[in-house]
Amino acid sequence: MTSEPHANDPWVGDVHAGVAAWTGEIPVDPVQTGPPADAEEVARKILLDQLTGQARSRRQLADKLAQRNVPEEIATRLLDRFEEVGLIDDEAFARMWIASRQPGKGLAGRALAQELRRKGVDDEIVKEAIGEIDPDDERAAAEALVAKKMRSLRSVGHQTATRRLVSMLARKGYSSGLAYAVVRDALGEREEELDDGQP
């Protein structure tokens, strides 16, 4: 007596799927081949993700969209819209960048300008933002850098200390005039302290 074929028996029913799997012609998963994602929606999500927790310049965002193969027309339209509503603002970005990098890294206006240009901020916006830096704040940042560095130069002679300190300030974007003035004052104070400490 033959048993009735079970409905879940893999050997029962349409054999096309089994043949396709055996021959390598596996049917494509319909989930994988669903309708393509809307390019504008994808681009909008990329922009919002990029702006979460950190401001970015328009150029940075445009570059990110290009890397993700977003069509240029869609990218431009969305970037314009984000600018209209204030989510992209290169002027505000430049000011924020300066406010965080000058005290945090002790960078001078020249170095900050180079960083902003590398991030694609327009030259006119860069000049305007750098022009707002208070010269007293810039000098104070240079003095703080020198004071910190001098701790490791206690046993170094005047000339060597001068060279190292001026070089350090130059790498941070300070003009040679300001660098030498700050270093001269700092080393002068150090020598006065050493003289006062002598018997």
Protein backbone atom coordinates (compact mmCIF):
# COMPACT_ATOMS: atom_id res chain seq x y z
CA MET A 1 0.00 0.00 0.00
CA THR A 2 1.41 3.34 -1.02
CA SER A 3 1.20 6.23 1.38
CA GLU A 4 -0.34 9.51 0.34
CA PRO A 5 2.33 12.12 -0.57
CA HIS A 6 2.77 14.68 2.18
CA ALA A 7 2.13 18.31 1.25
CA ASN A 8 5.46 19.39 2.80
CA ASP A 9 7.47 16.72 1.04
CA PRO A 10 10.18 18.59 -0.94
CA TRP A 11 10.03 15.91 -3.62
CA VAL A 12 6.37 16.54 -4.30
CA GLY A 13 4.91 19.32 -6.44
CA ASP A 14 6.36 21.65 -9.03
CA VAL A 15 9.93 20.60 -9.88
CA HIS A 16 10.85 23.83 -11.66
CA ALA A 17 12.30 25.45 -8.54
CA GLY A 18 14.40 22.36 -7.82
CA VAL A 19 15.68 22.16 -11.38
CA ALA A 20 16.51 25.87 -11.37
CA ALA A 21 18.44 25.49 -8.11
CA TRP A 22 20.24 22.41 -9.43
CA THR A 23 21.28 24.11 -12.67
CA GLY A 24 22.29 27.32 -10.99
CA GLU A 25 19.36 29.27 -12.41
CA ILE A 26 18.07 30.20 -8.97
CA PRO A 27 15.14 32.60 -9.16
CA VAL A 28 16.02 36.09 -8.00
CA ASP A 29 14.59 37.08 -4.66
CA PRO A 30 11.69 39.47 -5.36
CA VAL A 31 12.61 41.48 -2.24
CA GLN A 32 16.05 42.15 -3.71
CA THR A 33 14.54 43.21 -7.02
CA GLY A 34 11.86 45.47 -5.62
CA PRO A 35 11.33 48.98 -6.94
CA PRO A 36 14.52 51.10 -6.85
CA ALA A 37 14.86 53.52 -3.94
CA ASP A 38 13.90 57.10 -4.74
CA ALA A 39 17.19 58.91 -5.49
CA GLU A 40 16.03 62.18 -3.94
CA GLU A 41 14.91 60.45 -0.75
CA VAL A 42 18.27 58.65 -0.50
CA ALA A 43 20.17 61.91 -1.09
CA ARG A 44 18.10 63.71 1.56
CA LYS A 45 18.90 60.99 4.09
CA ILE A 46 22.62 61.22 3.25
CA LEU A 47 22.55 64.98 3.87
CA LEU A 48 20.67 64.70 7.15
CA ASP A 49 23.02 61.94 8.35
CA GLN A 50 26.04 64.08 7.48
CA LEU A 51 24.62 67.10 9.33
CA THR A 52 23.72 65.17 12.48
CA GLY A 53 25.90 66.42 15.29
CA GLN A 54 28.27 68.40 13.05
CA ALA A 55 27.96 71.34 10.68
CA ARG A 56 29.54 70.90 7.25
CA SER A 57 30.25 73.14 4.30
CA ARG A 58 28.21 72.90 1.12
CA ARG A 59 31.26 71.55 -0.75
CA GLN A 60 31.76 68.76 1.80
CA LEU A 61 28.14 67.71 1.42
CA ALA A 62 28.28 67.94 -2.38
CA ASP A 63 31.38 65.73 -2.38
CA LYS A 64 29.64 63.17 -0.17
CA LEU A 65 26.62 63.05 -2.52
CA ALA A 66 28.94 62.64 -5.51
CA GLN A 67 30.72 59.75 -3.76
CA ARG A 68 27.33 58.07 -3.33
CA ASN A 69 26.54 58.57 -7.05
CA VAL A 70 23.64 60.94 -6.47
CA PRO A 71 22.74 62.60 -9.81
CA GLU A 72 24.13 66.14 -9.98
CA GLU A 73 20.73 67.69 -10.71
CA ILE A 74 19.18 66.15 -7.59
CA ALA A 75 22.23 67.03 -5.47
CA THR A 76 22.15 70.69 -6.54
CA ARG A 77 18.40 70.98 -5.97
CA LEU A 78 18.62 69.49 -2.48
CA LEU A 79 21.70 71.50 -1.49
CA ASP A 80 19.94 74.70 -2.60
CA ARG A 81 16.87 73.74 -0.57
CA PHE A 82 18.95 72.92 2.52
CA GLU A 83 20.60 76.35 2.18
CA GLU A 84 17.21 78.08 1.89
CA VAL A 85 16.01 76.60 5.18
CA GLY A 86 19.34 77.28 6.94
CA LEU A 87 20.58 73.71 7.33
CA ILE A 88 23.60 74.58 5.19
CA ASP A 89 25.25 77.92 5.95
CA ASP A 90 28.90 78.34 4.99
CA GLU A 91 29.21 81.67 6.82
CA ALA A 92 27.98 80.16 10.07
CA PHE A 93 30.14 77.09 9.43
CA ALA A 94 33.26 79.26 9.01
CA ARG A 95 32.62 81.18 12.23
CA MET A 96 31.93 77.99 14.17
CA TRP A 97 35.09 76.37 12.77
CA ILE A 98 37.20 79.35 13.87
CA ALA A 99 35.55 79.48 17.31
CA SER A 100 36.41 75.83 17.93
CA ARG A 101 39.82 75.58 16.27
CA GLN A 102 41.44 78.81 17.44
CA PRO A 103 41.27 78.20 21.19
CA GLY A 104 41.29 74.41 20.91
CA LYS A 105 44.27 74.03 18.58
CA GLY A 106 45.75 77.51 18.97
CA LEU A 107 45.63 78.11 15.21
CA ALA A 108 46.21 81.56 13.74
CA GLY A 109 44.00 83.14 11.10
CA ARG A 110 46.25 82.06 8.23
CA ALA A 111 46.10 78.38 9.20
CA LEU A 112 42.35 78.59 9.81
CA ALA A 113 41.86 80.14 6.37
CA GLN A 114 43.74 77.25 4.75
CA GLU A 115 41.57 74.72 6.57
CA LEU A 116 38.35 76.46 5.51
CA ARG A 117 39.47 76.65 1.89
CA ARG A 118 40.27 72.93 1.95
CA LYS A 119 36.70 72.37 3.10
CA GLY A 120 35.43 74.25 0.05
CA VAL A 121 34.33 77.47 1.75
CA ASP A 122 34.24 80.40 -0.68
CA ASP A 123 37.24 82.72 -0.46
CA GLU A 124 35.13 85.82 0.27
CA ILE A 125 33.42 84.06 3.18
CA VAL A 126 36.81 82.90 4.49
CA LYS A 127 38.25 86.44 4.36
CA GLU A 128 35.23 87.88 6.12
CA ALA A 129 35.28 85.25 8.89
CA ILE A 130 39.05 85.54 9.41
CA GLY A 131 38.71 89.33 9.51
CA GLU A 132 36.46 88.98 12.56
CA ILE A 133 39.24 87.37 14.63
CA ASP A 134 40.29 89.72 17.43
CA PRO A 135 44.08 90.34 17.22
CA ASP A 136 44.22 90.23 21.02
CA ASP A 137 42.63 86.76 20.99
CA GLU A 138 45.16 85.60 18.39
CA ARG A 139 48.06 86.88 20.46
CA ALA A 140 46.61 85.29 23.60
CA ALA A 141 46.39 81.95 21.78
CA ALA A 142 50.04 82.27 20.70
CA GLU A 143 51.10 83.12 24.25
CA ALA A 144 49.26 80.08 25.60
CA LEU A 145 51.01 77.83 23.08
CA VAL A 146 54.42 79.24 23.99
CA ALA A 147 53.77 78.95 27.74
CA LYS A 148 52.80 75.30 27.34
CA LYS A 149 55.79 74.49 25.12
CA MET A 150 58.30 76.24 27.41
CA ARG A 151 57.76 73.63 30.10
CA SER A 152 59.73 71.19 27.97
CA LEU A 153 62.45 73.76 27.16
CA ARG A 154 63.66 74.58 30.67
CA SER A 155 67.12 73.16 30.09
CA VAL A 156 67.48 74.59 26.57
CA GLY A 157 69.50 77.70 25.76
CA HIS A 158 67.99 81.01 24.64
CA GLN A 159 68.76 80.62 20.91
CA THR A 160 67.55 77.04 20.66
CA ALA A 161 64.39 77.86 22.61
CA THR A 162 63.71 80.85 20.36
CA ARG A 163 64.14 78.77 17.21
CA ARG A 164 61.89 75.97 18.41
CA LEU A 165 59.16 78.25 19.70
CA VAL A 166 59.08 80.44 16.60
CA SER A 167 59.00 77.35 14.37
CA MET A 168 56.11 75.93 16.39
CA LEU A 169 54.12 79.17 16.01
CA ALA A 170 54.89 79.32 12.29
CA ARG A 171 53.41 75.82 11.85
CA LYS A 172 50.25 77.08 13.56
CA GLY A 173 50.00 79.90 11.02
CA TYR A 174 51.33 82.86 13.02
CA SER A 175 53.23 85.63 11.25
CA SER A 176 56.96 85.81 11.97
CA GLY A 177 56.53 89.27 13.49
CA LEU A 178 53.96 88.13 16.04
CA ALA A 179 55.82 84.88 16.70
CA TYR A 180 59.11 86.63 17.51
CA ALA A 181 57.36 89.23 19.69
CA VAL A 182 55.54 86.60 21.77
CA VAL A 183 58.63 84.40 22.11
CA ARG A 184 60.86 87.34 23.02
CA ASP A 185 58.46 88.42 25.80
CA ALA A 186 58.07 84.87 27.13
CA LEU A 187 61.82 84.19 27.20
CA GLY A 188 62.45 87.59 28.74
CA GLU A 189 60.09 86.72 31.58
CA ARG A 190 61.81 83.36 32.01
CA GLU A 191 65.23 85.00 32.30
CA GLU A 192 63.91 87.51 34.82
CA GLU A 193 62.54 84.66 36.93
CA LEU A 194 65.88 82.85 36.75
CA ASP A 195 67.74 86.04 37.75
CA ASP A 196 65.37 86.59 40.67
CA GLY A 197 65.95 83.05 41.83
CA GLN A 198 69.72 83.44 42.01
CA PRO A 199 71.30 84.14 45.42
